[in-house]
Every structure is written in C-alpha cells, then in structure tokens.
Amino acid sequence: MVKKNQTIELLDVIKLVGEELGIDIKDMATGGGSDASFTSAKGVATIDVLGPIGGNAQTEEEYLEIESLVERTELLARVIQRLTIGNA
C-alpha cells in the first residue's frame, strides 16, 4: 500500500488518540494483500488492521485477544469522534 499524505495525517490522528488512551500504535508494513489496497490505490486515506489484537492471520490457528476488543473499540470510537467533531 502506498502511503500518501492523507494516510499519514490519518495515522497521526490514530497515534495521538492511542497515546491519550495509553495504546502504543506502531506503523508497519505486513505484506500480503487486503481490500485496503483498493481504497489506497484510489487515493483514499487508508489504514489497515485497526481492529483487535490477534495473530496467525488466515490460518487455522488464527486468534484474537478478547481483552483487546474493548480497548480497540474505544480507540476507533475516539478516532471517529476526533475526525468528525474535532478535538472534543
């Protein structure tokens, strides 16, 4: 996925909100493919894998850490709030 200015700005917002919640957000490339590549190719700010923490993606051993559901939902809600109404 090509990282454009809009994506970098969105990532900055997510990192800021994460910091406020005590969540360390890391920017990383993971390889492979995802539907996010389509929106990114169209120039839309795109962040992939903002959901729950887990591992072994797309295998029979794939899992998610249940404890991360509340934390990641709060992160997403606050990011949406920040993007729609500002710094409230």
N, C-alpha and C. Protein backbone atom coordinates (compact mmCIF):
# COMPACT_ATOMS: atom_id res chain seq x y z
N MET A 1 0.85 -1.17 0.00
CA MET A 1 0.00 0.00 0.00
C MET A 1 0.90 1.24 0.00
N VAL A 2 0.67 2.12 -0.92
CA VAL A 2 1.43 3.36 -0.98
C VAL A 2 0.89 4.32 0.07
N LYS A 3 1.80 4.86 0.87
CA LYS A 3 1.39 5.77 1.94
C LYS A 3 1.41 7.20 1.43
N LYS A 4 0.23 7.80 1.30
CA LYS A 4 0.11 9.17 0.80
C LYS A 4 -0.11 10.11 1.98
N ASN A 5 -0.04 11.42 1.71
CA ASN A 5 -0.17 12.42 2.77
C ASN A 5 -1.44 12.24 3.60
N GLN A 6 -2.58 11.97 2.95
CA GLN A 6 -3.84 11.80 3.68
C GLN A 6 -3.75 10.63 4.66
N THR A 7 -3.10 9.57 4.24
CA THR A 7 -2.95 8.40 5.11
C THR A 7 -2.03 8.73 6.27
N ILE A 8 -0.97 9.45 6.01
CA ILE A 8 -0.04 9.84 7.08
C ILE A 8 -0.76 10.73 8.10
N GLU A 9 -1.58 11.65 7.63
CA GLU A 9 -2.35 12.51 8.53
C GLU A 9 -3.34 11.70 9.36
N LEU A 10 -4.01 10.73 8.74
CA LEU A 10 -4.94 9.87 9.48
C LEU A 10 -4.18 9.04 10.51
N LEU A 11 -3.04 8.51 10.14
CA LEU A 11 -2.23 7.75 11.09
C LEU A 11 -1.80 8.61 12.26
N ASP A 12 -1.47 9.87 12.01
CA ASP A 12 -1.10 10.79 13.10
C ASP A 12 -2.25 10.96 14.09
N VAL A 13 -3.48 11.08 13.58
CA VAL A 13 -4.65 11.19 14.46
C VAL A 13 -4.81 9.92 15.29
N ILE A 14 -4.68 8.78 14.65
CA ILE A 14 -4.82 7.50 15.35
C ILE A 14 -3.75 7.36 16.42
N LYS A 15 -2.52 7.73 16.10
CA LYS A 15 -1.43 7.65 17.09
C LYS A 15 -1.70 8.58 18.27
N LEU A 16 -2.19 9.79 17.99
CA LEU A 16 -2.49 10.76 19.05
C LEU A 16 -3.58 10.22 19.98
N VAL A 17 -4.65 9.71 19.41
CA VAL A 17 -5.74 9.15 20.21
C VAL A 17 -5.22 7.93 20.98
N GLY A 18 -4.44 7.10 20.33
CA GLY A 18 -3.85 5.95 21.00
C GLY A 18 -3.02 6.37 22.20
N GLU A 19 -2.23 7.41 22.02
CA GLU A 19 -1.40 7.92 23.11
C GLU A 19 -2.28 8.38 24.28
N GLU A 20 -3.37 9.06 23.97
CA GLU A 20 -4.30 9.52 25.01
C GLU A 20 -4.89 8.34 25.79
N LEU A 21 -5.05 7.20 25.12
CA LEU A 21 -5.63 6.01 25.76
C LEU A 21 -4.56 5.08 26.33
N GLY A 22 -3.29 5.45 26.17
CA GLY A 22 -2.21 4.59 26.64
C GLY A 22 -1.96 3.39 25.73
N ILE A 23 -2.31 3.53 24.45
CA ILE A 23 -2.10 2.46 23.47
C ILE A 23 -0.99 2.89 22.53
N ASP A 24 0.03 2.07 22.43
CA ASP A 24 1.16 2.36 21.55
C ASP A 24 0.81 1.88 20.14
N ILE A 25 0.60 2.82 19.23
CA ILE A 25 0.26 2.49 17.85
C ILE A 25 1.53 2.52 17.02
N LYS A 26 1.82 1.41 16.36
CA LYS A 26 3.01 1.32 15.53
C LYS A 26 2.61 1.25 14.06
N ASP A 27 3.36 1.93 13.23
CA ASP A 27 3.16 1.91 11.79
C ASP A 27 4.07 0.82 11.23
N MET A 28 3.48 -0.15 10.54
CA MET A 28 4.30 -1.23 9.99
C MET A 28 3.68 -1.76 8.71
N ALA A 29 4.53 -2.27 7.86
CA ALA A 29 4.08 -2.95 6.65
C ALA A 29 4.09 -4.45 6.96
N THR A 30 3.02 -5.13 6.55
CA THR A 30 2.92 -6.55 6.86
C THR A 30 2.99 -7.44 5.64
N GLY A 31 2.95 -6.85 4.46
CA GLY A 31 2.96 -7.65 3.24
C GLY A 31 1.60 -8.28 3.01
N GLY A 32 1.49 -9.06 2.00
CA GLY A 32 0.21 -9.70 1.70
C GLY A 32 -0.74 -8.72 1.05
N GLY A 33 -1.97 -9.13 0.90
CA GLY A 33 -2.96 -8.29 0.26
C GLY A 33 -4.16 -8.07 1.15
N SER A 34 -4.87 -7.00 0.89
CA SER A 34 -6.10 -6.73 1.62
C SER A 34 -6.95 -5.80 0.77
N ASP A 35 -8.22 -5.72 1.10
CA ASP A 35 -9.11 -4.81 0.39
C ASP A 35 -8.68 -3.36 0.55
N ALA A 36 -7.91 -3.07 1.59
CA ALA A 36 -7.43 -1.71 1.80
C ALA A 36 -6.57 -1.23 0.64
N SER A 37 -5.97 -2.14 -0.09
CA SER A 37 -5.15 -1.76 -1.24
C SER A 37 -5.98 -1.07 -2.31
N PHE A 38 -7.25 -1.46 -2.44
CA PHE A 38 -8.12 -0.84 -3.44
C PHE A 38 -8.40 0.62 -3.12
N THR A 39 -8.76 0.91 -1.85
CA THR A 39 -9.05 2.30 -1.48
C THR A 39 -7.78 3.14 -1.51
N SER A 40 -6.68 2.57 -1.08
CA SER A 40 -5.41 3.29 -1.10
C SER A 40 -5.02 3.67 -2.53
N ALA A 41 -5.21 2.73 -3.45
CA ALA A 41 -4.88 2.99 -4.86
C ALA A 41 -5.73 4.10 -5.45
N LYS A 42 -6.92 4.33 -4.89
CA LYS A 42 -7.81 5.40 -5.35
C LYS A 42 -7.50 6.74 -4.67
N GLY A 43 -6.49 6.75 -3.80
CA GLY A 43 -6.10 7.99 -3.14
C GLY A 43 -6.86 8.30 -1.86
N VAL A 44 -7.62 7.31 -1.37
CA VAL A 44 -8.38 7.48 -0.13
C VAL A 44 -7.47 7.16 1.05
N ALA A 45 -7.48 8.01 2.08
CA ALA A 45 -6.70 7.73 3.28
C ALA A 45 -7.12 6.37 3.82
N THR A 46 -6.15 5.47 3.98
CA THR A 46 -6.47 4.09 4.32
C THR A 46 -5.54 3.57 5.40
N ILE A 47 -6.15 3.01 6.43
CA ILE A 47 -5.40 2.34 7.49
C ILE A 47 -5.95 0.92 7.57
N ASP A 48 -5.09 -0.04 7.56
CA ASP A 48 -5.49 -1.44 7.63
C ASP A 48 -5.14 -1.97 9.01
N VAL A 49 -5.92 -2.86 9.51
CA VAL A 49 -5.66 -3.59 10.75
C VAL A 49 -5.75 -2.68 11.98
N LEU A 50 -6.86 -2.00 12.12
CA LEU A 50 -7.09 -1.16 13.30
C LEU A 50 -7.91 -1.92 14.34
N GLY A 51 -8.28 -3.13 14.03
CA GLY A 51 -9.15 -3.93 14.89
C GLY A 51 -8.44 -4.57 16.06
N PRO A 52 -9.04 -5.62 16.60
CA PRO A 52 -8.49 -6.27 17.79
C PRO A 52 -7.12 -6.87 17.55
N ILE A 53 -6.41 -7.09 18.63
CA ILE A 53 -5.09 -7.70 18.58
C ILE A 53 -5.28 -9.21 18.41
N GLY A 54 -4.43 -9.80 17.61
CA GLY A 54 -4.51 -11.24 17.38
C GLY A 54 -3.27 -11.72 16.67
N GLY A 55 -3.39 -12.89 16.08
CA GLY A 55 -2.23 -13.43 15.38
C GLY A 55 -2.60 -14.60 14.49
N ASN A 56 -1.60 -15.09 13.80
CA ASN A 56 -1.74 -16.23 12.89
C ASN A 56 -2.84 -16.02 11.86
N ALA A 57 -2.87 -14.82 11.29
CA ALA A 57 -3.94 -14.45 10.35
C ALA A 57 -4.07 -15.43 9.20
N GLN A 58 -5.29 -15.72 8.86
CA GLN A 58 -5.66 -16.55 7.72
C GLN A 58 -5.10 -17.96 7.81
N THR A 59 -5.02 -18.48 9.04
CA THR A 59 -4.63 -19.87 9.25
C THR A 59 -5.66 -20.51 10.18
N GLU A 60 -5.58 -21.80 10.34
CA GLU A 60 -6.49 -22.49 11.27
C GLU A 60 -6.20 -22.12 12.71
N GLU A 61 -5.03 -21.54 12.97
CA GLU A 61 -4.65 -21.13 14.33
C GLU A 61 -4.90 -19.65 14.59
N GLU A 62 -5.62 -18.98 13.67
CA GLU A 62 -5.89 -17.56 13.84
C GLU A 62 -6.66 -17.33 15.14
N TYR A 63 -6.32 -16.26 15.84
CA TYR A 63 -6.98 -15.94 17.11
C TYR A 63 -7.04 -14.44 17.30
N LEU A 64 -7.88 -14.02 18.24
CA LEU A 64 -7.85 -12.63 18.68
C LEU A 64 -7.88 -12.62 20.19
N GLU A 65 -7.29 -11.59 20.75
CA GLU A 65 -7.24 -11.44 22.20
C GLU A 65 -8.51 -10.72 22.62
N ILE A 66 -9.40 -11.45 23.28
CA ILE A 66 -10.71 -10.92 23.69
C ILE A 66 -10.55 -9.62 24.47
N GLU A 67 -9.53 -9.55 25.31
CA GLU A 67 -9.32 -8.36 26.14
C GLU A 67 -9.10 -7.11 25.30
N SER A 68 -8.64 -7.29 24.06
CA SER A 68 -8.34 -6.13 23.22
C SER A 68 -9.59 -5.54 22.56
N LEU A 69 -10.71 -6.23 22.62
CA LEU A 69 -11.92 -5.75 21.95
C LEU A 69 -12.40 -4.40 22.49
N VAL A 70 -12.45 -4.26 23.80
CA VAL A 70 -12.92 -3.01 24.41
C VAL A 70 -11.93 -1.88 24.10
N GLU A 71 -10.65 -2.16 24.27
CA GLU A 71 -9.61 -1.15 24.02
C GLU A 71 -9.66 -0.65 22.58
N ARG A 72 -9.75 -1.56 21.63
CA ARG A 72 -9.75 -1.18 20.22
C ARG A 72 -11.05 -0.51 19.80
N THR A 73 -12.16 -0.91 20.42
CA THR A 73 -13.44 -0.25 20.14
C THR A 73 -13.39 1.19 20.63
N GLU A 74 -12.83 1.40 21.80
CA GLU A 74 -12.68 2.76 22.34
C GLU A 74 -11.77 3.59 21.43
N LEU A 75 -10.69 2.99 20.97
CA LEU A 75 -9.78 3.68 20.05
C LEU A 75 -10.53 4.11 18.79
N LEU A 76 -11.25 3.20 18.17
CA LEU A 76 -11.97 3.51 16.95
C LEU A 76 -13.02 4.59 17.19
N ALA A 77 -13.77 4.48 18.29
CA ALA A 77 -14.81 5.47 18.59
C ALA A 77 -14.21 6.86 18.75
N ARG A 78 -13.09 6.93 19.46
CA ARG A 78 -12.48 8.26 19.67
C ARG A 78 -11.85 8.82 18.41
N VAL A 79 -11.32 7.95 17.57
CA VAL A 79 -10.78 8.42 16.29
C VAL A 79 -11.91 8.99 15.44
N ILE A 80 -13.02 8.28 15.37
CA ILE A 80 -14.17 8.77 14.61
C ILE A 80 -14.65 10.10 15.17
N GLN A 81 -14.72 10.19 16.49
CA GLN A 81 -15.13 11.44 17.13
C GLN A 81 -14.17 12.57 16.76
N ARG A 82 -12.90 12.32 16.84
CA ARG A 82 -11.89 13.34 16.53
C ARG A 82 -12.01 13.79 15.08
N LEU A 83 -12.26 12.86 14.20
CA LEU A 83 -12.34 13.21 12.78
C LEU A 83 -13.63 13.94 12.42
N THR A 84 -14.69 13.71 13.19
CA THR A 84 -15.97 14.32 12.85
C THR A 84 -16.27 15.62 13.58
N ILE A 85 -15.82 15.73 14.83
CA ILE A 85 -16.15 16.95 15.58
C ILE A 85 -14.92 17.66 16.13
N GLY A 86 -13.76 17.24 15.76
CA GLY A 86 -12.56 17.93 16.19
C GLY A 86 -12.00 17.37 17.48
N ASN A 87 -11.41 18.21 18.28
CA ASN A 87 -10.68 17.79 19.47
C ASN A 87 -11.53 17.62 20.71
N ALA A 88 -12.82 17.37 20.56
CA ALA A 88 -13.71 17.21 21.71
C ALA A 88 -13.32 16.02 22.57
